[in-house]
């Protein structure tokens, strides 16, 4: 026998309902899609009808959105998706309200923190991705290139600006060939692609990530498997791009289709190609520099976000190589 539906009312007195619910109630409709309960805006209140535990979650969503609206003066579509996700995870209801100490915007939220630019260089990288369809992020290890790139892609997918994410890396490093690596295909490529999986695991709940991977909404593949494809409505990331040849770099860039964006990351001081092989990442700077819609961003030791000694190590190597 079905349990009787519970009713709960949320007062909107003193709240700008147009800004809270969105033009044509689009924010309200977005919230409704995420719950089974009936959600109705009537006058100066919202009426909820459904299972009691779910009504408590919806109440938390609106409480947080109202606080966010009062503080920021407006809401974005991304705010709705973020708050709903945080509340459904059972996180602290004030997590989305935490203003980054450095004033930089939060891109996505993990279970415990907001992912955001942590330095001027990272902020420049983030801003470049908002203004350009193709962005090259070049800098040493530890500067957050890959992690930030994945966060930006996840945010685009969350906000429905793209339909899928494709992450790729050259699967051949330090002169190794896939044919000489042990095990089956997955065993061969996983060591090279693991950092991409790790970043996604931080940003997307495990069950949702599993579903995205199974349905290929998110795809992680070696660069060699990009050949011959056209990627429409996609956010594409090429990581470790310093280990691409010029022909591989051209192949990757020409995969982009309609309404797609790309981030290419790499460290030109860590090229693992054979000594006579030119790096596609180094060459591409001369070829594409100055083209509108394409940006090159350079990160350095001031942008390192790992252990405090990593910055000193990078500086020491730079001095040694001069």
C-alpha atoms as a PDB file:
ATOM      1  CA  UNK A   1       0.000   0.000   0.000  1.00  0.00           C
ATOM      2  CA  UNK A   2       1.409   3.402  -1.018  1.00  0.00           C
ATOM      3  CA  UNK A   3       2.435   5.783   1.725  1.00  0.00           C
ATOM      4  CA  UNK A   4       0.314   8.974   1.866  1.00  0.00           C
ATOM      5  CA  UNK A   5       1.995  11.992   0.289  1.00  0.00           C
ATOM      6  CA  UNK A   6       3.357  14.615   2.639  1.00  0.00           C
ATOM      7  CA  UNK A   7       2.972  18.344   2.056  1.00  0.00           C
ATOM      8  CA  UNK A   8       5.545  20.992   2.868  1.00  0.00           C
ATOM      9  CA  UNK A   9       5.496  24.736   2.165  1.00  0.00           C
ATOM     10  CA  UNK A  10       8.454  27.059   1.662  1.00  0.00           C
ATOM     11  CA  UNK A  11       7.850  30.777   2.189  1.00  0.00           C
ATOM     12  CA  UNK A  12       9.188  33.129  -0.483  1.00  0.00           C
ATOM     13  CA  UNK A  13       8.301  36.353   1.336  1.00  0.00           C
ATOM     14  CA  UNK A  14      10.951  38.958   0.609  1.00  0.00           C
ATOM     15  CA  UNK A  15      12.515  36.799  -2.115  1.00  0.00           C
ATOM     16  CA  UNK A  16      12.834  37.916  -5.748  1.00  0.00           C
ATOM     17  CA  UNK A  17      10.908  34.972  -7.178  1.00  0.00           C
ATOM     18  CA  UNK A  18      11.809  35.763 -10.789  1.00  0.00           C
ATOM     19  CA  UNK A  19      15.512  35.529 -10.017  1.00  0.00           C
ATOM     20  CA  UNK A  20      15.029  32.474  -7.801  1.00  0.00           C
ATOM     21  CA  UNK A  21      12.790  30.462 -10.117  1.00  0.00           C
ATOM     22  CA  UNK A  22      14.212  31.738 -13.406  1.00  0.00           C
ATOM     23  CA  UNK A  23      12.576  33.179 -16.498  1.00  0.00           C
ATOM     24  CA  UNK A  24       9.532  31.053 -17.272  1.00  0.00           C
ATOM     25  CA  UNK A  25      10.272  28.994 -14.133  1.00  0.00           C
ATOM     26  CA  UNK A  26      13.252  27.358 -15.857  1.00  0.00           C
ATOM     27  CA  UNK A  27      15.202  27.017 -12.603  1.00  0.00           C
ATOM     28  CA  UNK A  28      12.148  25.565 -10.874  1.00  0.00           C
ATOM     29  CA  UNK A  29      11.714  23.080 -13.722  1.00  0.00           C
ATOM     30  CA  UNK A  30      15.387  22.116 -13.503  1.00  0.00           C
ATOM     31  CA  UNK A  31      15.000  21.347  -9.806  1.00  0.00           C
ATOM     32  CA  UNK A  32      11.814  19.353 -10.450  1.00  0.00           C
ATOM     33  CA  UNK A  33      13.626  17.090 -12.928  1.00  0.00           C
ATOM     34  CA  UNK A  34      15.856  15.858 -10.126  1.00  0.00           C
ATOM     35  CA  UNK A  35      13.120  14.783  -7.726  1.00  0.00           C
ATOM     36  CA  UNK A  36       9.972  12.647  -7.785  1.00  0.00           C
ATOM     37  CA  UNK A  37       8.009  15.039  -5.564  1.00  0.00           C
ATOM     38  CA  UNK A  38       5.629  17.579  -7.041  1.00  0.00           C
ATOM     39  CA  UNK A  39       6.961  21.141  -6.765  1.00  0.00           C
ATOM     40  CA  UNK A  40       4.544  24.030  -7.370  1.00  0.00           C
ATOM     41  CA  UNK A  41       5.167  27.779  -7.048  1.00  0.00           C
ATOM     42  CA  UNK A  42       2.034  29.538  -5.886  1.00  0.00           C
ATOM     43  CA  UNK A  43       2.046  33.181  -4.884  1.00  0.00           C
ATOM     44  CA  UNK A  44       4.654  33.804  -2.205  1.00  0.00           C
ATOM     45  CA  UNK A  45       5.364  30.172  -1.436  1.00  0.00           C
ATOM     46  CA  UNK A  46       6.477  26.877  -2.924  1.00  0.00           C
ATOM     47  CA  UNK A  47       4.325  23.841  -2.230  1.00  0.00           C
ATOM     48  CA  UNK A  48       5.981  20.422  -2.102  1.00  0.00           C
ATOM     49  CA  UNK A  49       4.034  17.175  -2.257  1.00  0.00           C
ATOM     50  CA  UNK A  50       5.749  13.809  -1.946  1.00  0.00           C
ATOM     51  CA  UNK A  51       7.839  11.502   0.230  1.00  0.00           C
ATOM     52  CA  UNK A  52       8.909  13.159   3.476  1.00  0.00           C
ATOM     53  CA  UNK A  53      12.659  12.553   3.183  1.00  0.00           C
ATOM     54  CA  UNK A  54      12.756  13.936  -0.339  1.00  0.00           C
ATOM     55  CA  UNK A  55      10.825  17.031   0.730  1.00  0.00           C
ATOM     56  CA  UNK A  56      13.573  17.715   3.269  1.00  0.00           C
ATOM     57  CA  UNK A  57      16.181  17.587   0.497  1.00  0.00           C
ATOM     58  CA  UNK A  58      14.173  19.957  -1.694  1.00  0.00           C
ATOM     59  CA  UNK A  59      13.765  22.347   1.232  1.00  0.00           C
ATOM     60  CA  UNK A  60      17.561  22.356   1.662  1.00  0.00           C
ATOM     61  CA  UNK A  61      17.999  23.097  -2.044  1.00  0.00           C
ATOM     62  CA  UNK A  62      15.730  26.140  -1.888  1.00  0.00           C
ATOM     63  CA  UNK A  63      17.218  27.326   1.407  1.00  0.00           C
ATOM     64  CA  UNK A  64      20.685  27.325  -0.087  1.00  0.00           C
ATOM     65  CA  UNK A  65      19.600  28.925  -3.362  1.00  0.00           C
ATOM     66  CA  UNK A  66      17.822  31.725  -1.499  1.00  0.00           C
ATOM     67  CA  UNK A  67      20.932  32.397   0.588  1.00  0.00           C
ATOM     68  CA  UNK A  68      23.069  32.354  -2.557  1.00  0.00           C
ATOM     69  CA  UNK A  69      20.663  34.742  -4.301  1.00  0.00           C
ATOM     70  CA  UNK A  70      20.689  37.138  -1.352  1.00  0.00           C
ATOM     71  CA  UNK A  71      24.471  37.184  -1.312  1.00  0.00           C
ATOM     72  CA  UNK A  72      25.234  37.337  -5.024  1.00  0.00           C
ATOM     73  CA  UNK A  73      22.141  39.124  -6.315  1.00  0.00           C
ATOM     74  CA  UNK A  74      21.576  36.529  -9.027  1.00  0.00           C
ATOM     75  CA  UNK A  75      21.597  32.824  -9.824  1.00  0.00           C
ATOM     76  CA  UNK A  76      23.034  30.991 -12.810  1.00  0.00           C
ATOM     77  CA  UNK A  77      21.912  27.726 -14.339  1.00  0.00           C
ATOM     78  CA  UNK A  78      25.177  26.230 -13.097  1.00  0.00           C
ATOM     79  CA  UNK A  79      24.283  27.178  -9.512  1.00  0.00           C
ATOM     80  CA  UNK A  80      21.077  25.153  -9.676  1.00  0.00           C
ATOM     81  CA  UNK A  81      22.842  22.007 -10.885  1.00  0.00           C
ATOM     82  CA  UNK A  82      25.638  22.409  -8.345  1.00  0.00           C
ATOM     83  CA  UNK A  83      23.382  22.916  -5.326  1.00  0.00           C
ATOM     84  CA  UNK A  84      21.089  20.024  -6.271  1.00  0.00           C
ATOM     85  CA  UNK A  85      24.089  17.723  -6.679  1.00  0.00           C
ATOM     86  CA  UNK A  86      25.625  18.757  -3.350  1.00  0.00           C
ATOM     87  CA  UNK A  87      22.369  18.327  -1.424  1.00  0.00           C
ATOM     88  CA  UNK A  88      21.589  14.940  -2.995  1.00  0.00           C
ATOM     89  CA  UNK A  89      25.073  13.771  -2.025  1.00  0.00           C
ATOM     90  CA  UNK A  90      24.270  14.655   1.570  1.00  0.00           C
ATOM     91  CA  UNK A  91      26.943  17.335   1.788  1.00  0.00           C
ATOM     92  CA  UNK A  92      26.869  20.330   4.109  1.00  0.00           C
ATOM     93  CA  UNK A  93      24.131  22.675   2.866  1.00  0.00           C
ATOM     94  CA  UNK A  94      26.385  25.717   3.024  1.00  0.00           C
ATOM     95  CA  UNK A  95      29.139  24.242   0.822  1.00  0.00           C
ATOM     96  CA  UNK A  96      28.001  26.072  -2.294  1.00  0.00           C
ATOM     97  CA  UNK A  97      28.029  29.338  -0.354  1.00  0.00           C
ATOM     98  CA  UNK A  98      31.706  29.200   0.529  1.00  0.00           C
ATOM     99  CA  UNK A  99      33.419  32.028  -1.277  1.00  0.00           C
ATOM    100  CA  UNK A 100      36.911  31.064  -2.425  1.00  0.00           C
ATOM    101  CA  UNK A 101      39.413  32.902  -0.266  1.00  0.00           C
ATOM    102  CA  UNK A 102      41.203  34.285  -3.314  1.00  0.00           C
ATOM    103  CA  UNK A 103      37.963  35.425  -4.960  1.00  0.00           C
ATOM    104  CA  UNK A 104      38.365  32.983  -7.849  1.00  0.00           C
ATOM    105  CA  UNK A 105      35.187  31.284  -9.081  1.00  0.00           C
ATOM    106  CA  UNK A 106      34.372  27.691  -8.184  1.00  0.00           C
ATOM    107  CA  UNK A 107      34.236  25.531 -11.319  1.00  0.00           C
ATOM    108  CA  UNK A 108      32.882  22.285  -9.873  1.00  0.00           C
ATOM    109  CA  UNK A 109      32.489  20.833  -6.397  1.00  0.00           C
ATOM    110  CA  UNK A 110      33.979  17.637  -5.011  1.00  0.00           C
ATOM    111  CA  UNK A 111      32.692  15.901  -1.882  1.00  0.00           C
ATOM    112  CA  UNK A 112      34.802  18.144   0.311  1.00  0.00           C
ATOM    113  CA  UNK A 113      35.777  21.293  -1.558  1.00  0.00           C
ATOM    114  CA  UNK A 114      35.294  23.597  -4.497  1.00  0.00           C
ATOM    115  CA  UNK A 115      37.650  23.195  -7.449  1.00  0.00           C
ATOM    116  CA  UNK A 116      38.765  26.647  -8.499  1.00  0.00           C
ATOM    117  CA  UNK A 117      41.810  28.471  -9.861  1.00  0.00           C
ATOM    118  CA  UNK A 118      44.389  28.812  -7.088  1.00  0.00           C
ATOM    119  CA  UNK A 119      46.830  31.230  -8.695  1.00  0.00           C
ATOM    120  CA  UNK A 120      46.925  34.104 -11.150  1.00  0.00           C
ATOM    121  CA  UNK A 121      48.213  31.757 -13.842  1.00  0.00           C
ATOM    122  CA  UNK A 122      45.435  29.245 -13.274  1.00  0.00           C
ATOM    123  CA  UNK A 123      42.886  32.068 -13.333  1.00  0.00           C
ATOM    124  CA  UNK A 124      44.276  33.208 -16.680  1.00  0.00           C
ATOM    125  CA  UNK A 125      43.959  29.623 -17.937  1.00  0.00           C
ATOM    126  CA  UNK A 126      40.335  29.411 -16.780  1.00  0.00           C
ATOM    127  CA  UNK A 127      39.438  32.775 -18.333  1.00  0.00           C
ATOM    128  CA  UNK A 128      41.061  31.779 -21.621  1.00  0.00           C
ATOM    129  CA  UNK A 129      38.791  28.719 -21.824  1.00  0.00           C
ATOM    130  CA  UNK A 130      35.729  30.929 -21.413  1.00  0.00           C
ATOM    131  CA  UNK A 131      36.732  33.130 -24.349  1.00  0.00           C
ATOM    132  CA  UNK A 132      38.331  30.665 -26.789  1.00  0.00           C
ATOM    133  CA  UNK A 133      37.380  27.339 -28.346  1.00  0.00           C
ATOM    134  CA  UNK A 134      40.934  25.973 -28.298  1.00  0.00           C
ATOM    135  CA  UNK A 135      43.324  26.622 -25.417  1.00  0.00           C
ATOM    136  CA  UNK A 136      46.881  25.373 -24.990  1.00  0.00           C
ATOM    137  CA  UNK A 137      48.040  25.233 -21.354  1.00  0.00           C
ATOM    138  CA  UNK A 138      51.801  24.826 -21.156  1.00  0.00           C
ATOM    139  CA  UNK A 139      53.714  24.493 -17.912  1.00  0.00           C
ATOM    140  CA  UNK A 140      55.631  22.187 -15.572  1.00  0.00           C
ATOM    141  CA  UNK A 141      54.217  19.328 -13.531  1.00  0.00           C
ATOM    142  CA  UNK A 142      52.191  20.339 -10.514  1.00  0.00           C
ATOM    143  CA  UNK A 143      50.665  23.491 -11.981  1.00  0.00           C
ATOM    144  CA  UNK A 144      47.184  21.959 -12.168  1.00  0.00           C
ATOM    145  CA  UNK A 145      46.910  21.888 -15.963  1.00  0.00           C
ATOM    146  CA  UNK A 146      45.207  18.517 -16.277  1.00  0.00           C
ATOM    147  CA  UNK A 147      43.064  18.746 -13.157  1.00  0.00           C
ATOM    148  CA  UNK A 148      41.735  22.196 -14.023  1.00  0.00           C
ATOM    149  CA  UNK A 149      41.126  21.178 -17.642  1.00  0.00           C
ATOM    150  CA  UNK A 150      39.038  18.188 -16.542  1.00  0.00           C
ATOM    151  CA  UNK A 151      37.094  20.388 -14.096  1.00  0.00           C
ATOM    152  CA  UNK A 152      36.282  22.867 -16.859  1.00  0.00           C
ATOM    153  CA  UNK A 153      35.120  20.045 -19.136  1.00  0.00           C
ATOM    154  CA  UNK A 154      32.944  18.548 -16.379  1.00  0.00           C
ATOM    155  CA  UNK A 155      31.381  21.972 -15.771  1.00  0.00           C
ATOM    156  CA  UNK A 156      30.537  22.283 -19.481  1.00  0.00           C
ATOM    157  CA  UNK A 157      28.896  18.853 -19.421  1.00  0.00           C
ATOM    158  CA  UNK A 158      27.017  19.676 -16.216  1.00  0.00           C
ATOM    159  CA  UNK A 159      25.712  22.933 -17.710  1.00  0.00           C
ATOM    160  CA  UNK A 160      24.728  21.115 -20.937  1.00  0.00           C
ATOM    161  CA  UNK A 161      27.016  23.267 -23.050  1.00  0.00           C
ATOM    162  CA  UNK A 162      28.361  20.040 -24.563  1.00  0.00           C
ATOM    163  CA  UNK A 163      26.968  16.522 -24.836  1.00  0.00           C
ATOM    164  CA  UNK A 164      30.119  14.563 -24.115  1.00  0.00           C
ATOM    165  CA  UNK A 165      33.715  14.681 -22.931  1.00  0.00           C
ATOM    166  CA  UNK A 166      36.621  12.983 -24.684  1.00  0.00           C
ATOM    167  CA  UNK A 167      39.925  12.732 -22.821  1.00  0.00           C
ATOM    168  CA  UNK A 168      43.046  11.498 -24.565  1.00  0.00           C
ATOM    169  CA  UNK A 169      46.769  11.088 -24.048  1.00  0.00           C
ATOM    170  CA  UNK A 170      49.550   9.753 -26.234  1.00  0.00           C
ATOM    171  CA  UNK A 171      49.830   6.105 -25.159  1.00  0.00           C
ATOM    172  CA  UNK A 172      53.447   5.966 -26.244  1.00  0.00           C
ATOM    173  CA  UNK A 173      55.917   7.592 -23.881  1.00  0.00           C
ATOM    174  CA  UNK A 174      59.652   7.152 -23.362  1.00  0.00           C
ATOM    175  CA  UNK A 175      59.913   5.228 -26.605  1.00  0.00           C
ATOM    176  CA  UNK A 176      57.497   2.480 -25.522  1.00  0.00           C
ATOM    177  CA  UNK A 177      55.127   0.900 -28.019  1.00  0.00           C
ATOM    178  CA  UNK A 178      51.697  -0.469 -27.164  1.00  0.00           C
ATOM    179  CA  UNK A 179      52.626  -3.694 -28.902  1.00  0.00           C
ATOM    180  CA  UNK A 180      55.387  -4.324 -26.405  1.00  0.00           C
ATOM    181  CA  UNK A 181      53.375  -3.560 -23.310  1.00  0.00           C
ATOM    182  CA  UNK A 182      52.057  -6.530 -21.317  1.00  0.00           C
ATOM    183  CA  UNK A 183      48.426  -7.588 -20.974  1.00  0.00           C
ATOM    184  CA  UNK A 184      45.209  -6.850 -22.833  1.00  0.00           C
ATOM    185  CA  UNK A 185      44.179  -3.477 -24.234  1.00  0.00           C
ATOM    186  CA  UNK A 186      42.868  -2.013 -20.971  1.00  0.00           C
ATOM    187  CA  UNK A 187      45.916  -3.181 -19.044  1.00  0.00           C
ATOM    188  CA  UNK A 188      48.146  -1.620 -21.676  1.00  0.00           C
ATOM    189  CA  UNK A 189      46.596   1.829 -21.736  1.00  0.00           C
ATOM    190  CA  UNK A 190      45.379   2.242 -18.150  1.00  0.00           C
ATOM    191  CA  UNK A 191      48.768   3.300 -16.714  1.00  0.00           C
ATOM    192  CA  UNK A 192      48.885   6.167 -19.213  1.00  0.00           C
ATOM    193  CA  UNK A 193      45.257   7.215 -18.741  1.00  0.00           C
ATOM    194  CA  UNK A 194      45.014   6.732 -14.964  1.00  0.00           C
ATOM    195  CA  UNK A 195      45.550  10.437 -14.088  1.00  0.00           C
ATOM    196  CA  UNK A 196      42.462  11.287 -16.144  1.00  0.00           C
ATOM    197  CA  UNK A 197      40.368   8.678 -14.319  1.00  0.00           C
ATOM    198  CA  UNK A 198      41.660   9.990 -10.989  1.00  0.00           C
ATOM    199  CA  UNK A 199      40.582  13.542 -11.789  1.00  0.00           C
ATOM    200  CA  UNK A 200      37.107  12.412 -12.864  1.00  0.00           C
ATOM    201  CA  UNK A 201      36.713  10.296  -9.725  1.00  0.00           C
ATOM    202  CA  UNK A 202      37.241  13.431  -7.648  1.00  0.00           C
ATOM    203  CA  UNK A 203      34.557  15.393  -9.475  1.00  0.00           C
ATOM    204  CA  UNK A 204      31.758  12.964 -10.348  1.00  0.00           C
ATOM    205  CA  UNK A 205      29.965  10.481  -8.046  1.00  0.00           C
ATOM    206  CA  UNK A 206      31.087   6.908  -8.742  1.00  0.00           C
ATOM    207  CA  UNK A 207      27.722   5.627  -9.989  1.00  0.00           C
ATOM    208  CA  UNK A 208      27.239   8.574 -12.321  1.00  0.00           C
ATOM    209  CA  UNK A 209      30.805   8.318 -13.643  1.00  0.00           C
ATOM    210  CA  UNK A 210      30.332   4.601 -14.288  1.00  0.00           C
ATOM    211  CA  UNK A 211      27.172   5.357 -16.255  1.00  0.00           C
ATOM    212  CA  UNK A 212      28.872   8.128 -18.215  1.00  0.00           C
ATOM    213  CA  UNK A 213      31.741   5.811 -19.151  1.00  0.00           C
ATOM    214  CA  UNK A 214      29.425   2.941 -20.107  1.00  0.00           C
ATOM    215  CA  UNK A 215      27.301   5.180 -22.350  1.00  0.00           C
ATOM    216  CA  UNK A 216      30.392   6.986 -23.705  1.00  0.00           C
ATOM    217  CA  UNK A 217      29.169  10.368 -22.510  1.00  0.00           C
ATOM    218  CA  UNK A 218      32.697  10.436 -21.136  1.00  0.00           C
ATOM    219  CA  UNK A 219      35.342   8.636 -23.163  1.00  0.00           C
ATOM    220  CA  UNK A 220      39.007   8.125 -22.263  1.00  0.00           C
ATOM    221  CA  UNK A 221      41.133   6.836 -25.130  1.00  0.00           C
ATOM    222  CA  UNK A 222      44.733   6.762 -26.365  1.00  0.00           C
ATOM    223  CA  UNK A 223      45.456   9.424 -28.968  1.00  0.00           C
ATOM    224  CA  UNK A 224      45.966   6.809 -31.686  1.00  0.00           C
ATOM    225  CA  UNK A 225      42.258   5.925 -31.473  1.00  0.00           C
ATOM    226  CA  UNK A 226      41.180   9.481 -32.363  1.00  0.00           C
ATOM    227  CA  UNK A 227      42.124   9.124 -36.017  1.00  0.00           C
ATOM    228  CA  UNK A 228      39.272   9.380 -38.522  1.00  0.00           C
ATOM    229  CA  UNK A 229      36.717  10.730 -36.044  1.00  0.00           C
ATOM    230  CA  UNK A 230      34.726  13.972 -35.999  1.00  0.00           C
ATOM    231  CA  UNK A 231      33.673  15.133 -32.546  1.00  0.00           C
ATOM    232  CA  UNK A 232      30.588  17.362 -32.456  1.00  0.00           C
ATOM    233  CA  UNK A 233      29.152  18.940 -29.287  1.00  0.00           C
ATOM    234  CA  UNK A 234      32.133  17.685 -27.327  1.00  0.00           C
ATOM    235  CA  UNK A 235      34.727  18.961 -24.908  1.00  0.00           C
ATOM    236  CA  UNK A 236      38.019  17.334 -25.866  1.00  0.00           C
ATOM    237  CA  UNK A 237      41.203  17.311 -23.792  1.00  0.00           C
ATOM    238  CA  UNK A 238      44.625  16.256 -25.036  1.00  0.00           C
ATOM    239  CA  UNK A 239      46.943  15.724 -22.074  1.00  0.00           C
ATOM    240  CA  UNK A 240      50.739  15.214 -22.158  1.00  0.00           C
ATOM    241  CA  UNK A 241      50.720  16.877 -25.573  1.00  0.00           C
ATOM    242  CA  UNK A 242      54.492  17.374 -25.528  1.00  0.00           C
ATOM    243  CA  UNK A 243      54.708  13.695 -26.481  1.00  0.00           C
ATOM    244  CA  UNK A 244      52.777  14.096 -29.726  1.00  0.00           C
ATOM    245  CA  UNK A 245      54.436  14.300 -33.112  1.00  0.00           C
ATOM    246  CA  UNK A 246      53.504  17.224 -35.403  1.00  0.00           C
ATOM    247  CA  UNK A 247      51.288  14.902 -37.463  1.00  0.00           C
ATOM    248  CA  UNK A 248      49.524  13.629 -34.341  1.00  0.00           C
ATOM    249  CA  UNK A 249      48.897  17.179 -33.159  1.00  0.00           C
ATOM    250  CA  UNK A 250      47.404  18.113 -36.528  1.00  0.00           C
ATOM    251  CA  UNK A 251      45.283  14.966 -36.487  1.00  0.00           C
ATOM    252  CA  UNK A 252      43.947  15.794 -33.024  1.00  0.00           C
ATOM    253  CA  UNK A 253      43.104  19.419 -33.766  1.00  0.00           C
ATOM    254  CA  UNK A 254      41.256  18.509 -36.953  1.00  0.00           C
ATOM    255  CA  UNK A 255      38.933  16.128 -35.046  1.00  0.00           C
ATOM    256  CA  UNK A 256      36.939  19.067 -33.660  1.00  0.00           C
ATOM    257  CA  UNK A 257      33.426  19.362 -35.035  1.00  0.00           C
ATOM    258  CA  UNK A 258      30.495  21.713 -34.553  1.00  0.00           C
ATOM    259  CA  UNK A 259      30.079  23.275 -31.089  1.00  0.00           C
ATOM    260  CA  UNK A 260      33.192  21.600 -29.702  1.00  0.00           C
ATOM    261  CA  UNK A 261      35.976  22.950 -27.510  1.00  0.00           C
ATOM    262  CA  UNK A 262      39.467  21.664 -26.803  1.00  0.00           C
ATOM    263  CA  UNK A 263      42.143  22.059 -24.168  1.00  0.00           C
ATOM    264  CA  UNK A 264      45.659  20.856 -24.899  1.00  0.00           C
ATOM    265  CA  UNK A 265      48.026  20.538 -21.944  1.00  0.00           C
ATOM    266  CA  UNK A 266      51.704  19.739 -21.806  1.00  0.00           C
ATOM    267  CA  UNK A 267      55.152  20.386 -20.380  1.00  0.00           C
ATOM    268  CA  UNK A 268      57.678  21.225 -23.077  1.00  0.00           C
ATOM    269  CA  UNK A 269      60.555  20.513 -20.666  1.00  0.00           C
ATOM    270  CA  UNK A 270      59.481  16.865 -20.330  1.00  0.00           C
ATOM    271  CA  UNK A 271      59.430  15.563 -23.917  1.00  0.00           C
ATOM    272  CA  UNK A 272      59.796  11.760 -23.981  1.00  0.00           C
ATOM    273  CA  UNK A 273      59.957  11.382 -27.761  1.00  0.00           C
ATOM    274  CA  UNK A 274      63.059   9.990 -29.505  1.00  0.00           C
ATOM    275  CA  UNK A 275      65.791  12.639 -29.652  1.00  0.00           C
ATOM    276  CA  UNK A 276      65.335  13.364 -33.377  1.00  0.00           C
ATOM    277  CA  UNK A 277      61.524  13.534 -33.175  1.00  0.00           C
ATOM    278  CA  UNK A 278      60.098  17.063 -32.998  1.00  0.00           C
ATOM    279  CA  UNK A 279      57.342  17.685 -30.453  1.00  0.00           C
ATOM    280  CA  UNK A 280      54.010  18.685 -31.933  1.00  0.00           C
ATOM    281  CA  UNK A 281      53.356  20.934 -28.942  1.00  0.00           C
ATOM    282  CA  UNK A 282      56.557  22.894 -29.463  1.00  0.00           C
ATOM    283  CA  UNK A 283      55.954  23.261 -33.202  1.00  0.00           C
ATOM    284  CA  UNK A 284      52.289  24.253 -32.907  1.00  0.00           C
ATOM    285  CA  UNK A 285      53.120  27.472 -31.068  1.00  0.00           C
ATOM    286  CA  UNK A 286      54.719  28.838 -34.221  1.00  0.00           C
ATOM    287  CA  UNK A 287      51.925  27.633 -36.494  1.00  0.00           C
ATOM    288  CA  UNK A 288      48.798  28.763 -34.618  1.00  0.00           C
ATOM    289  CA  UNK A 289      50.002  31.782 -32.659  1.00  0.00           C
ATOM    290  CA  UNK A 290      47.796  34.814 -33.323  1.00  0.00           C
ATOM    291  CA  UNK A 291      44.722  32.972 -34.633  1.00  0.00           C
ATOM    292  CA  UNK A 292      41.476  34.283 -33.137  1.00  0.00           C
ATOM    293  CA  UNK A 293      39.702  31.729 -30.971  1.00  0.00           C
ATOM    294  CA  UNK A 294      42.956  29.977 -30.059  1.00  0.00           C
ATOM    295  CA  UNK A 295      44.862  30.900 -26.903  1.00  0.00           C
ATOM    296  CA  UNK A 296      48.216  29.884 -25.453  1.00  0.00           C
ATOM    297  CA  UNK A 297      48.558  30.057 -21.663  1.00  0.00           C
ATOM    298  CA  UNK A 298      51.859  29.557 -19.860  1.00  0.00           C
ATOM    299  CA  UNK A 299      52.076  28.399 -16.251  1.00  0.00           C
ATOM    300  CA  UNK A 300      55.229  28.386 -14.116  1.00  0.00           C
ATOM    301  CA  UNK A 301      56.518  27.557 -10.638  1.00  0.00           C
ATOM    302  CA  UNK A 302      54.287  30.251  -9.094  1.00  0.00           C
ATOM    303  CA  UNK A 303      51.272  28.148 -10.134  1.00  0.00           C
ATOM    304  CA  UNK A 304      52.413  24.888  -8.509  1.00  0.00           C
ATOM    305  CA  UNK A 305      49.702  23.501  -6.225  1.00  0.00           C
ATOM    306  CA  UNK A 306      51.369  20.298  -5.007  1.00  0.00           C
ATOM    307  CA  UNK A 307      53.723  19.862  -2.044  1.00  0.00           C
ATOM    308  CA  UNK A 308      55.511  23.129  -1.252  1.00  0.00           C
ATOM    309  CA  UNK A 309      58.862  21.530  -2.151  1.00  0.00           C
ATOM    310  CA  UNK A 310      57.703  20.804  -5.715  1.00  0.00           C
ATOM    311  CA  UNK A 311      57.935  24.511  -6.533  1.00  0.00           C
ATOM    312  CA  UNK A 312      61.516  24.622  -5.250  1.00  0.00           C
ATOM    313  CA  UNK A 313      62.392  21.473  -7.208  1.00  0.00           C
ATOM    314  CA  UNK A 314      61.057  22.972 -10.458  1.00  0.00           C
ATOM    315  CA  UNK A 315      62.980  26.211  -9.898  1.00  0.00           C
ATOM    316  CA  UNK A 316      66.170  24.263  -9.152  1.00  0.00           C
ATOM    317  CA  UNK A 317      65.854  22.267 -12.380  1.00  0.00           C
ATOM    318  CA  UNK A 318      65.185  25.447 -14.371  1.00  0.00           C
ATOM    319  CA  UNK A 319      68.356  27.027 -13.002  1.00  0.00           C
ATOM    320  CA  UNK A 320      70.379  23.876 -13.691  1.00  0.00           C
ATOM    321  CA  UNK A 321      69.234  23.712 -17.331  1.00  0.00           C
ATOM    322  CA  UNK A 322      70.073  27.336 -18.129  1.00  0.00           C
END
